[in-house]
Amino acid sequence: MKNGKRDYKREVALYTSKPEVRHKRSLQTMARRQAIADGVVKKGDGKDMDHIKPLSKGGSNEKSNLRAVPAGDNRSFARNADGSLRSQTSKRERKKK
């Protein structure tokens, strides 16, 4: 940090260049492309590929463990500091109860 300001551009560049992050992004891209080929999703449809059983809870990247959900639903799960899921139930689902 110089002058007390963080260099966010540099931080993102360092994070996204890590081999484990590149591999994870590669797996996500392959899953998305397969879903497009299968007709499950389309480019620009606002959906994310979601793991039914999260990787942090022992899930896999198998086709049977993936589903297409709206981006807002997929990104609203409570997470721990390390990024793992705290709860499988989204905020929206908890409000319905």
PDB file of N, CA and C in Angstrom:
ATOM      1  N   MET A   1       0.837  -1.184   0.000  1.00  0.00           N
ATOM      2  CA  MET A   1       0.000   0.000   0.000  1.00  0.00           C
ATOM      3  C   MET A   1       0.882   1.246   0.000  1.00  0.00           C
ATOM      4  N   LYS A   2       0.549   2.104  -0.905  1.00  0.00           N
ATOM      5  CA  LYS A   2       1.245   3.379  -0.902  1.00  0.00           C
ATOM      6  C   LYS A   2       0.213   4.464  -0.635  1.00  0.00           C
ATOM      7  N   ASN A   3       0.565   5.376   0.215  1.00  0.00           N
ATOM      8  CA  ASN A   3      -0.331   6.463   0.604  1.00  0.00           C
ATOM      9  C   ASN A   3      -1.613   5.944   1.241  1.00  0.00           C
ATOM     10  N   GLY A   4      -1.551   4.748   1.829  1.00  0.00           N
ATOM     11  CA  GLY A   4      -2.714   4.198   2.526  1.00  0.00           C
ATOM     12  C   GLY A   4      -3.821   3.701   1.617  1.00  0.00           C
ATOM     13  N   LYS A   5      -3.572   3.594   0.311  1.00  0.00           N
ATOM     14  CA  LYS A   5      -4.601   3.128  -0.611  1.00  0.00           C
ATOM     15  C   LYS A   5      -4.252   1.734  -1.113  1.00  0.00           C
ATOM     16  N   ARG A   6      -5.257   0.871  -1.169  1.00  0.00           N
ATOM     17  CA  ARG A   6      -5.052  -0.481  -1.673  1.00  0.00           C
ATOM     18  C   ARG A   6      -5.070  -0.486  -3.193  1.00  0.00           C
ATOM     19  N   ASP A   7      -4.236  -1.328  -3.746  1.00  0.00           N
ATOM     20  CA  ASP A   7      -4.184  -1.497  -5.193  1.00  0.00           C
ATOM     21  C   ASP A   7      -5.061  -2.707  -5.549  1.00  0.00           C
ATOM     22  N   TYR A   8      -6.350  -2.464  -5.707  1.00  0.00           N
ATOM     23  CA  TYR A   8      -7.305  -3.538  -5.956  1.00  0.00           C
ATOM     24  C   TYR A   8      -7.028  -4.248  -7.281  1.00  0.00           C
ATOM     25  N   LYS A   9      -6.616  -3.510  -8.274  1.00  0.00           N
ATOM     26  CA  LYS A   9      -6.326  -4.108  -9.576  1.00  0.00           C
ATOM     27  C   LYS A   9      -5.217  -5.151  -9.441  1.00  0.00           C
ATOM     28  N   ARG A  10      -4.185  -4.824  -8.682  1.00  0.00           N
ATOM     29  CA  ARG A  10      -3.076  -5.749  -8.460  1.00  0.00           C
ATOM     30  C   ARG A  10      -3.532  -6.958  -7.650  1.00  0.00           C
ATOM     31  N   GLU A  11      -4.351  -6.744  -6.628  1.00  0.00           N
ATOM     32  CA  GLU A  11      -4.844  -7.843  -5.802  1.00  0.00           C
ATOM     33  C   GLU A  11      -5.655  -8.832  -6.629  1.00  0.00           C
ATOM     34  N   VAL A  12      -6.523  -8.321  -7.490  1.00  0.00           N
ATOM     35  CA  VAL A  12      -7.340  -9.186  -8.339  1.00  0.00           C
ATOM     36  C   VAL A  12      -6.442  -9.955  -9.304  1.00  0.00           C
ATOM     37  N   ALA A  13      -5.458  -9.275  -9.879  1.00  0.00           N
ATOM     38  CA  ALA A  13      -4.545  -9.925 -10.822  1.00  0.00           C
ATOM     39  C   ALA A  13      -3.763 -11.047 -10.139  1.00  0.00           C
ATOM     40  N   LEU A  14      -3.314 -10.810  -8.912  1.00  0.00           N
ATOM     41  CA  LEU A  14      -2.571 -11.840  -8.183  1.00  0.00           C
ATOM     42  C   LEU A  14      -3.473 -13.025  -7.835  1.00  0.00           C
ATOM     43  N   TYR A  15      -4.710 -12.742  -7.419  1.00  0.00           N
ATOM     44  CA  TYR A  15      -5.640 -13.815  -7.041  1.00  0.00           C
ATOM     45  C   TYR A  15      -6.045 -14.649  -8.247  1.00  0.00           C
ATOM     46  N   THR A  16      -6.429 -13.997  -9.332  1.00  0.00           N
ATOM     47  CA  THR A  16      -6.940 -14.734 -10.483  1.00  0.00           C
ATOM     48  C   THR A  16      -5.851 -15.486 -11.236  1.00  0.00           C
ATOM     49  N   SER A  17      -4.588 -15.197 -10.964  1.00  0.00           N
ATOM     50  CA  SER A  17      -3.506 -15.903 -11.641  1.00  0.00           C
ATOM     51  C   SER A  17      -3.051 -17.139 -10.884  1.00  0.00           C
ATOM     52  N   LYS A  18      -3.595 -17.394  -9.691  1.00  0.00           N
ATOM     53  CA  LYS A  18      -3.211 -18.584  -8.921  1.00  0.00           C
ATOM     54  C   LYS A  18      -3.679 -19.837  -9.653  1.00  0.00           C
ATOM     55  N   PRO A  19      -2.845 -20.878  -9.676  1.00  0.00           N
ATOM     56  CA  PRO A  19      -3.208 -22.099 -10.398  1.00  0.00           C
ATOM     57  C   PRO A  19      -4.528 -22.726  -9.942  1.00  0.00           C
ATOM     58  N   GLU A  20      -4.787 -22.743  -8.637  1.00  0.00           N
ATOM     59  CA  GLU A  20      -6.028 -23.366  -8.150  1.00  0.00           C
ATOM     60  C   GLU A  20      -7.261 -22.553  -8.561  1.00  0.00           C
ATOM     61  N   VAL A  21      -7.132 -21.249  -8.628  1.00  0.00           N
ATOM     62  CA  VAL A  21      -8.244 -20.392  -9.045  1.00  0.00           C
ATOM     63  C   VAL A  21      -8.481 -20.550 -10.549  1.00  0.00           C
ATOM     64  N   ARG A  22      -7.413 -20.623 -11.323  1.00  0.00           N
ATOM     65  CA  ARG A  22      -7.537 -20.821 -12.769  1.00  0.00           C
ATOM     66  C   ARG A  22      -8.184 -22.169 -13.081  1.00  0.00           C
ATOM     67  N   HIS A  23      -7.809 -23.190 -12.319  1.00  0.00           N
ATOM     68  CA  HIS A  23      -8.385 -24.523 -12.524  1.00  0.00           C
ATOM     69  C   HIS A  23      -9.883 -24.519 -12.196  1.00  0.00           C
ATOM     70  N   LYS A  24     -10.246 -23.885 -11.100  1.00  0.00           N
ATOM     71  CA  LYS A  24     -11.659 -23.814 -10.707  1.00  0.00           C
ATOM     72  C   LYS A  24     -12.477 -23.083 -11.770  1.00  0.00           C
ATOM     73  N   ARG A  25     -11.939 -21.964 -12.275  1.00  0.00           N
ATOM     74  CA  ARG A  25     -12.633 -21.203 -13.306  1.00  0.00           C
ATOM     75  C   ARG A  25     -12.775 -22.028 -14.586  1.00  0.00           C
ATOM     76  N   SER A  26     -11.761 -22.816 -14.886  1.00  0.00           N
ATOM     77  CA  SER A  26     -11.797 -23.685 -16.054  1.00  0.00           C
ATOM     78  C   SER A  26     -12.915 -24.722 -15.920  1.00  0.00           C
ATOM     79  N   LEU A  27     -13.054 -25.321 -14.750  1.00  0.00           N
ATOM     80  CA  LEU A  27     -14.119 -26.298 -14.509  1.00  0.00           C
ATOM     81  C   LEU A  27     -15.502 -25.653 -14.629  1.00  0.00           C
ATOM     82  N   GLN A  28     -15.630 -24.431 -14.095  1.00  0.00           N
ATOM     83  CA  GLN A  28     -16.907 -23.721 -14.186  1.00  0.00           C
ATOM     84  C   GLN A  28     -17.258 -23.420 -15.635  1.00  0.00           C
ATOM     85  N   THR A  29     -16.263 -23.010 -16.407  1.00  0.00           N
ATOM     86  CA  THR A  29     -16.487 -22.693 -17.814  1.00  0.00           C
ATOM     87  C   THR A  29     -16.898 -23.938 -18.589  1.00  0.00           C
ATOM     88  N   MET A  30     -16.234 -25.060 -18.324  1.00  0.00           N
ATOM     89  CA  MET A  30     -16.575 -26.299 -19.016  1.00  0.00           C
ATOM     90  C   MET A  30     -17.998 -26.743 -18.680  1.00  0.00           C
ATOM     91  N   ALA A  31     -18.392 -26.595 -17.407  1.00  0.00           N
ATOM     92  CA  ALA A  31     -19.753 -26.974 -16.996  1.00  0.00           C
ATOM     93  C   ALA A  31     -20.777 -26.076 -17.682  1.00  0.00           C
ATOM     94  N   ARG A  32     -20.483 -24.796 -17.769  1.00  0.00           N
ATOM     95  CA  ARG A  32     -21.394 -23.858 -18.410  1.00  0.00           C
ATOM     96  C   ARG A  32     -21.530 -24.172 -19.908  1.00  0.00           C
ATOM     97  N   ARG A  33     -20.413 -24.436 -20.562  1.00  0.00           N
ATOM     98  CA  ARG A  33     -20.446 -24.751 -21.994  1.00  0.00           C
ATOM     99  C   ARG A  33     -21.227 -26.031 -22.267  1.00  0.00           C
ATOM    100  N   GLN A  34     -21.081 -27.019 -21.393  1.00  0.00           N
ATOM    101  CA  GLN A  34     -21.823 -28.272 -21.564  1.00  0.00           C
ATOM    102  C   GLN A  34     -23.317 -28.019 -21.394  1.00  0.00           C
ATOM    103  N   ALA A  35     -23.682 -27.169 -20.430  1.00  0.00           N
ATOM    104  CA  ALA A  35     -25.096 -26.847 -20.214  1.00  0.00           C
ATOM    105  C   ALA A  35     -25.668 -26.092 -21.410  1.00  0.00           C
ATOM    106  N   ILE A  36     -24.869 -25.238 -22.039  1.00  0.00           N
ATOM    107  CA  ILE A  36     -25.318 -24.528 -23.240  1.00  0.00           C
ATOM    108  C   ILE A  36     -25.536 -25.533 -24.367  1.00  0.00           C
ATOM    109  N   ALA A  37     -24.608 -26.476 -24.522  1.00  0.00           N
ATOM    110  CA  ALA A  37     -24.731 -27.490 -25.568  1.00  0.00           C
ATOM    111  C   ALA A  37     -25.961 -28.372 -25.347  1.00  0.00           C
ATOM    112  N   ASP A  38     -26.291 -28.631 -24.079  1.00  0.00           N
ATOM    113  CA  ASP A  38     -27.453 -29.457 -23.753  1.00  0.00           C
ATOM    114  C   ASP A  38     -28.767 -28.677 -23.835  1.00  0.00           C
ATOM    115  N   GLY A  39     -28.685 -27.354 -23.998  1.00  0.00           N
ATOM    116  CA  GLY A  39     -29.878 -26.531 -24.092  1.00  0.00           C
ATOM    117  C   GLY A  39     -30.483 -26.150 -22.762  1.00  0.00           C
ATOM    118  N   VAL A  40     -29.730 -26.339 -21.681  1.00  0.00           N
ATOM    119  CA  VAL A  40     -30.227 -26.018 -20.339  1.00  0.00           C
ATOM    120  C   VAL A  40     -30.196 -24.517 -20.091  1.00  0.00           C
ATOM    121  N   VAL A  41     -29.172 -23.845 -20.587  1.00  0.00           N
ATOM    122  CA  VAL A  41     -29.010 -22.400 -20.414  1.00  0.00           C
ATOM    123  C   VAL A  41     -28.647 -21.773 -21.754  1.00  0.00           C
ATOM    124  N   LYS A  42     -28.765 -20.453 -21.805  1.00  0.00           N
ATOM    125  CA  LYS A  42     -28.368 -19.697 -22.992  1.00  0.00           C
ATOM    126  C   LYS A  42     -27.440 -18.575 -22.549  1.00  0.00           C
ATOM    127  N   LYS A  43     -26.671 -18.081 -23.478  1.00  0.00           N
ATOM    128  CA  LYS A  43     -25.791 -16.960 -23.192  1.00  0.00           C
ATOM    129  C   LYS A  43     -26.640 -15.740 -22.833  1.00  0.00           C
ATOM    130  N   GLY A  44     -26.298 -15.091 -21.723  1.00  0.00           N
ATOM    131  CA  GLY A  44     -26.993 -13.880 -21.314  1.00  0.00           C
ATOM    132  C   GLY A  44     -28.329 -14.103 -20.639  1.00  0.00           C
ATOM    133  N   ASP A  45     -28.636 -15.327 -20.216  1.00  0.00           N
ATOM    134  CA  ASP A  45     -29.934 -15.600 -19.604  1.00  0.00           C
ATOM    135  C   ASP A  45     -29.991 -15.270 -18.114  1.00  0.00           C
ATOM    136  N   GLY A  46     -28.865 -14.855 -17.524  1.00  0.00           N
ATOM    137  CA  GLY A  46     -28.854 -14.467 -16.116  1.00  0.00           C
ATOM    138  C   GLY A  46     -28.865 -15.631 -15.157  1.00  0.00           C
ATOM    139  N   LYS A  47     -28.484 -16.809 -15.629  1.00  0.00           N
ATOM    140  CA  LYS A  47     -28.463 -17.987 -14.763  1.00  0.00           C
ATOM    141  C   LYS A  47     -27.031 -18.428 -14.493  1.00  0.00           C
ATOM    142  N   ASP A  48     -26.841 -19.051 -13.327  1.00  0.00           N
ATOM    143  CA  ASP A  48     -25.560 -19.609 -12.931  1.00  0.00           C
ATOM    144  C   ASP A  48     -25.688 -21.120 -12.873  1.00  0.00           C
ATOM    145  N   MET A  49     -24.570 -21.792 -13.049  1.00  0.00           N
ATOM    146  CA  MET A  49     -24.532 -23.228 -12.829  1.00  0.00           C
ATOM    147  C   MET A  49     -24.252 -23.430 -11.343  1.00  0.00           C
ATOM    148  N   ASP A  50     -25.125 -24.164 -10.690  1.00  0.00           N
ATOM    149  CA  ASP A  50     -25.081 -24.343  -9.246  1.00  0.00           C
ATOM    150  C   ASP A  50     -24.824 -25.808  -8.924  1.00  0.00           C
ATOM    151  N   HIS A  51     -24.081 -26.062  -7.861  1.00  0.00           N
ATOM    152  CA  HIS A  51     -23.886 -27.427  -7.388  1.00  0.00           C
ATOM    153  C   HIS A  51     -25.028 -27.780  -6.443  1.00  0.00           C
ATOM    154  N   ILE A  52     -25.689 -28.884  -6.691  1.00  0.00           N
ATOM    155  CA  ILE A  52     -26.764 -29.329  -5.806  1.00  0.00           C
ATOM    156  C   ILE A  52     -26.175 -29.631  -4.435  1.00  0.00           C
ATOM    157  N   LYS A  53     -25.113 -30.418  -4.396  1.00  0.00           N
ATOM    158  CA  LYS A  53     -24.358 -30.640  -3.156  1.00  0.00           C
ATOM    159  C   LYS A  53     -23.065 -29.861  -3.308  1.00  0.00           C
ATOM    160  N   PRO A  54     -22.839 -28.821  -2.505  1.00  0.00           N
ATOM    161  CA  PRO A  54     -21.684 -27.942  -2.661  1.00  0.00           C
ATOM    162  C   PRO A  54     -20.353 -28.700  -2.597  1.00  0.00           C
ATOM    163  N   LEU A  55     -19.380 -28.198  -3.322  1.00  0.00           N
ATOM    164  CA  LEU A  55     -18.049 -28.800  -3.297  1.00  0.00           C
ATOM    165  C   LEU A  55     -17.476 -28.788  -1.889  1.00  0.00           C
ATOM    166  N   SER A  56     -17.759 -27.726  -1.138  1.00  0.00           N
ATOM    167  CA  SER A  56     -17.242 -27.625   0.226  1.00  0.00           C
ATOM    168  C   SER A  56     -17.876 -28.642   1.165  1.00  0.00           C
ATOM    169  N   LYS A  57     -18.985 -29.247   0.747  1.00  0.00           N
ATOM    170  CA  LYS A  57     -19.662 -30.253   1.568  1.00  0.00           C
ATOM    171  C   LYS A  57     -19.505 -31.651   0.961  1.00  0.00           C
ATOM    172  N   GLY A  58     -18.524 -31.810   0.062  1.00  0.00           N
ATOM    173  CA  GLY A  58     -18.245 -33.126  -0.502  1.00  0.00           C
ATOM    174  C   GLY A  58     -18.893 -33.399  -1.840  1.00  0.00           C
ATOM    175  N   GLY A  59     -19.455 -32.386  -2.488  1.00  0.00           N
ATOM    176  CA  GLY A  59     -20.064 -32.557  -3.798  1.00  0.00           C
ATOM    177  C   GLY A  59     -19.017 -32.694  -4.888  1.00  0.00           C
ATOM    178  N   SER A  60     -19.474 -32.897  -6.115  1.00  0.00           N
ATOM    179  CA  SER A  60     -18.550 -33.077  -7.229  1.00  0.00           C
ATOM    180  C   SER A  60     -18.953 -32.177  -8.388  1.00  0.00           C
ATOM    181  N   ASN A  61     -18.136 -32.174  -9.422  1.00  0.00           N
ATOM    182  CA  ASN A  61     -18.433 -31.412 -10.623  1.00  0.00           C
ATOM    183  C   ASN A  61     -19.125 -32.271 -11.677  1.00  0.00           C
ATOM    184  N   GLU A  62     -19.675 -33.391 -11.270  1.00  0.00           N
ATOM    185  CA  GLU A  62     -20.389 -34.270 -12.186  1.00  0.00           C
ATOM    186  C   GLU A  62     -21.644 -33.573 -12.707  1.00  0.00           C
ATOM    187  N   LYS A  63     -22.053 -33.945 -13.902  1.00  0.00           N
ATOM    188  CA  LYS A  63     -23.229 -33.351 -14.535  1.00  0.00           C
ATOM    189  C   LYS A  63     -24.485 -33.538 -13.671  1.00  0.00           C
ATOM    190  N   SER A  64     -24.574 -34.673 -12.976  1.00  0.00           N
ATOM    191  CA  SER A  64     -25.745 -34.955 -12.142  1.00  0.00           C
ATOM    192  C   SER A  64     -25.804 -34.070 -10.898  1.00  0.00           C
ATOM    193  N   ASN A  65     -24.702 -33.403 -10.558  1.00  0.00           N
ATOM    194  CA  ASN A  65     -24.665 -32.534  -9.378  1.00  0.00           C
ATOM    195  C   ASN A  65     -24.806 -31.061  -9.749  1.00  0.00           C
ATOM    196  N   LEU A  66     -25.074 -30.759 -11.012  1.00  0.00           N
ATOM    197  CA  LEU A  66     -25.194 -29.373 -11.458  1.00  0.00           C
ATOM    198  C   LEU A  66     -26.627 -29.053 -11.858  1.00  0.00           C
ATOM    199  N   ARG A  67     -27.007 -27.799 -11.659  1.00  0.00           N
ATOM    200  CA  ARG A  67     -28.322 -27.317 -12.084  1.00  0.00           C
ATOM    201  C   ARG A  67     -28.186 -25.837 -12.435  1.00  0.00           C
ATOM    202  N   ALA A  68     -29.111 -25.351 -13.244  1.00  0.00           N
ATOM    203  CA  ALA A  68     -29.126 -23.939 -13.621  1.00  0.00           C
ATOM    204  C   ALA A  68     -30.121 -23.215 -12.726  1.00  0.00           C
ATOM    205  N   VAL A  69     -29.670 -22.165 -12.067  1.00  0.00           N
ATOM    206  CA  VAL A  69     -30.537 -21.369 -11.195  1.00  0.00           C
ATOM    207  C   VAL A  69     -30.292 -19.892 -11.483  1.00  0.00           C
ATOM    208  N   PRO A  70     -31.278 -19.030 -11.179  1.00  0.00           N
ATOM    209  CA  PRO A  70     -31.049 -17.587 -11.347  1.00  0.00           C
ATOM    210  C   PRO A  70     -29.842 -17.133 -10.521  1.00  0.00           C
ATOM    211  N   ALA A  71     -29.071 -16.212 -11.071  1.00  0.00           N
ATOM    212  CA  ALA A  71     -27.843 -15.765 -10.420  1.00  0.00           C
ATOM    213  C   ALA A  71     -28.094 -15.251  -9.003  1.00  0.00           C
ATOM    214  N   GLY A  72     -29.187 -14.532  -8.794  1.00  0.00           N
ATOM    215  CA  GLY A  72     -29.484 -13.999  -7.470  1.00  0.00           C
ATOM    216  C   GLY A  72     -29.694 -15.079  -6.427  1.00  0.00           C
ATOM    217  N   ASP A  73     -30.298 -16.189  -6.842  1.00  0.00           N
ATOM    218  CA  ASP A  73     -30.500 -17.297  -5.908  1.00  0.00           C
ATOM    219  C   ASP A  73     -29.181 -17.977  -5.579  1.00  0.00           C
ATOM    220  N   ASN A  74     -28.344 -18.145  -6.570  1.00  0.00           N
ATOM    221  CA  ASN A  74     -27.081 -18.856  -6.368  1.00  0.00           C
ATOM    222  C   ASN A  74     -26.096 -18.037  -5.540  1.00  0.00           C
ATOM    223  N   ARG A  75     -26.157 -16.739  -5.613  1.00  0.00           N
ATOM    224  CA  ARG A  75     -25.165 -15.897  -4.940  1.00  0.00           C
ATOM    225  C   ARG A  75     -25.640 -15.377  -3.592  1.00  0.00           C
ATOM    226  N   SER A  76     -26.778 -15.842  -3.111  1.00  0.00           N
ATOM    227  CA  SER A  76     -27.321 -15.290  -1.877  1.00  0.00           C
ATOM    228  C   SER A  76     -27.150 -16.209  -0.678  1.00  0.00           C
ATOM    229  N   PHE A  77     -26.393 -17.293  -0.804  1.00  0.00           N
ATOM    230  CA  PHE A  77     -26.188 -18.189   0.322  1.00  0.00           C
ATOM    231  C   PHE A  77     -25.256 -17.563   1.349  1.00  0.00           C
ATOM    232  N   ALA A  78     -25.510 -17.844   2.621  1.00  0.00           N
ATOM    233  CA  ALA A  78     -24.643 -17.367   3.688  1.00  0.00           C
ATOM    234  C   ALA A  78     -23.315 -18.111   3.588  1.00  0.00           C
ATOM    235  N   ARG A  79     -22.211 -17.388   3.703  1.00  0.00           N
ATOM    236  CA  ARG A  79     -20.894 -18.003   3.565  1.00  0.00           C
ATOM    237  C   ARG A  79     -20.019 -17.696   4.772  1.00  0.00           C
ATOM    238  N   ASN A  80     -19.090 -18.606   5.056  1.00  0.00           N
ATOM    239  CA  ASN A  80     -18.095 -18.414   6.100  1.00  0.00           C
ATOM    240  C   ASN A  80     -16.964 -17.546   5.547  1.00  0.00           C
ATOM    241  N   ALA A  81     -16.032 -17.163   6.411  1.00  0.00           N
ATOM    242  CA  ALA A  81     -14.925 -16.310   6.002  1.00  0.00           C
ATOM    243  C   ALA A  81     -14.067 -16.961   4.919  1.00  0.00           C
ATOM    244  N   ASP A  82     -13.992 -18.287   4.905  1.00  0.00           N
ATOM    245  CA  ASP A  82     -13.177 -18.975   3.894  1.00  0.00           C
ATOM    246  C   ASP A  82     -13.925 -19.204   2.594  1.00  0.00           C
ATOM    247  N   GLY A  83     -15.179 -18.764   2.508  1.00  0.00           N
ATOM    248  CA  GLY A  83     -15.951 -18.880   1.280  1.00  0.00           C
ATOM    249  C   GLY A  83     -16.836 -20.101   1.210  1.00  0.00           C
ATOM    250  N   SER A  84     -16.707 -21.020   2.164  1.00  0.00           N
ATOM    251  CA  SER A  84     -17.551 -22.212   2.158  1.00  0.00           C
ATOM    252  C   SER A  84     -18.968 -21.846   2.612  1.00  0.00           C
ATOM    253  N   LEU A  85     -19.932 -22.636   2.204  1.00  0.00           N
ATOM    254  CA  LEU A  85     -21.324 -22.348   2.549  1.00  0.00           C
ATOM    255  C   LEU A  85     -21.592 -22.527   4.030  1.00  0.00           C
ATOM    256  N   ARG A  86     -22.285 -21.575   4.605  1.00  0.00           N
ATOM    257  CA  ARG A  86     -22.697 -21.684   5.990  1.00  0.00           C
ATOM    258  C   ARG A  86     -24.050 -22.375   6.044  1.00  0.00           C
ATOM    259  N   SER A  87     -24.889 -22.042   5.071  1.00  0.00           N
ATOM    260  CA  SER A  87     -26.235 -22.600   5.031  1.00  0.00           C
ATOM    261  C   SER A  87     -26.608 -22.907   3.588  1.00  0.00           C
ATOM    262  N   GLN A  88     -27.270 -24.020   3.362  1.00  0.00           N
ATOM    263  CA  GLN A  88     -27.710 -24.403   2.022  1.00  0.00           C
ATOM    264  C   GLN A  88     -28.990 -23.655   1.655  1.00  0.00           C
ATOM    265  N   THR A  89     -29.642 -23.036   2.622  1.00  0.00           N
ATOM    266  CA  THR A  89     -30.888 -22.325   2.398  1.00  0.00           C
ATOM    267  C   THR A  89     -30.608 -20.858   2.110  1.00  0.00           C
ATOM    268  N   SER A  90     -31.138 -20.336   1.019  1.00  0.00           N
ATOM    269  CA  SER A  90     -30.899 -18.942   0.662  1.00  0.00           C
ATOM    270  C   SER A  90     -31.748 -18.018   1.531  1.00  0.00           C
ATOM    271  N   LYS A  91     -31.420 -16.747   1.518  1.00  0.00           N
ATOM    272  CA  LYS A  91     -32.180 -15.753   2.273  1.00  0.00           C
ATOM    273  C   LYS A  91     -33.633 -15.744   1.830  1.00  0.00           C
ATOM    274  N   ARG A  92     -33.831 -15.831   0.521  1.00  0.00           N
ATOM    275  CA  ARG A  92     -35.174 -15.809  -0.034  1.00  0.00           C
ATOM    276  C   ARG A  92     -36.002 -17.004   0.464  1.00  0.00           C
ATOM    277  N   GLU A  93     -35.391 -18.180   0.527  1.00  0.00           N
ATOM    278  CA  GLU A  93     -36.087 -19.371   1.000  1.00  0.00           C
ATOM    279  C   GLU A  93     -36.405 -19.270   2.484  1.00  0.00           C
ATOM    280  N   ARG A  94     -35.502 -18.672   3.256  1.00  0.00           N
ATOM    281  CA  ARG A  94     -35.753 -18.526   4.689  1.00  0.00           C
ATOM    282  C   ARG A  94     -36.899 -17.554   4.949  1.00  0.00           C
ATOM    283  N   LYS A  95     -37.052 -16.529   4.116  1.00  0.00           N
ATOM    284  CA  LYS A  95     -38.134 -15.558   4.305  1.00  0.00           C
ATOM    285  C   LYS A  95     -39.497 -16.184   4.046  1.00  0.00           C
ATOM    286  N   LYS A  96     -39.545 -17.181   3.159  1.00  0.00           N
ATOM    287  CA  LYS A  96     -40.814 -17.823   2.812  1.00  0.00           C
ATOM    288  C   LYS A  96     -41.377 -18.626   3.979  1.00  0.00           C
ATOM    289  N   LYS A  97     -40.502 -19.105   4.858  1.00  0.00           N
ATOM    290  CA  LYS A  97     -40.956 -19.969   5.965  1.00  0.00           C
ATOM    291  C   LYS A  97     -41.648 -19.206   7.050  1.00  0.00           C
TER     292      LYS A  97
END
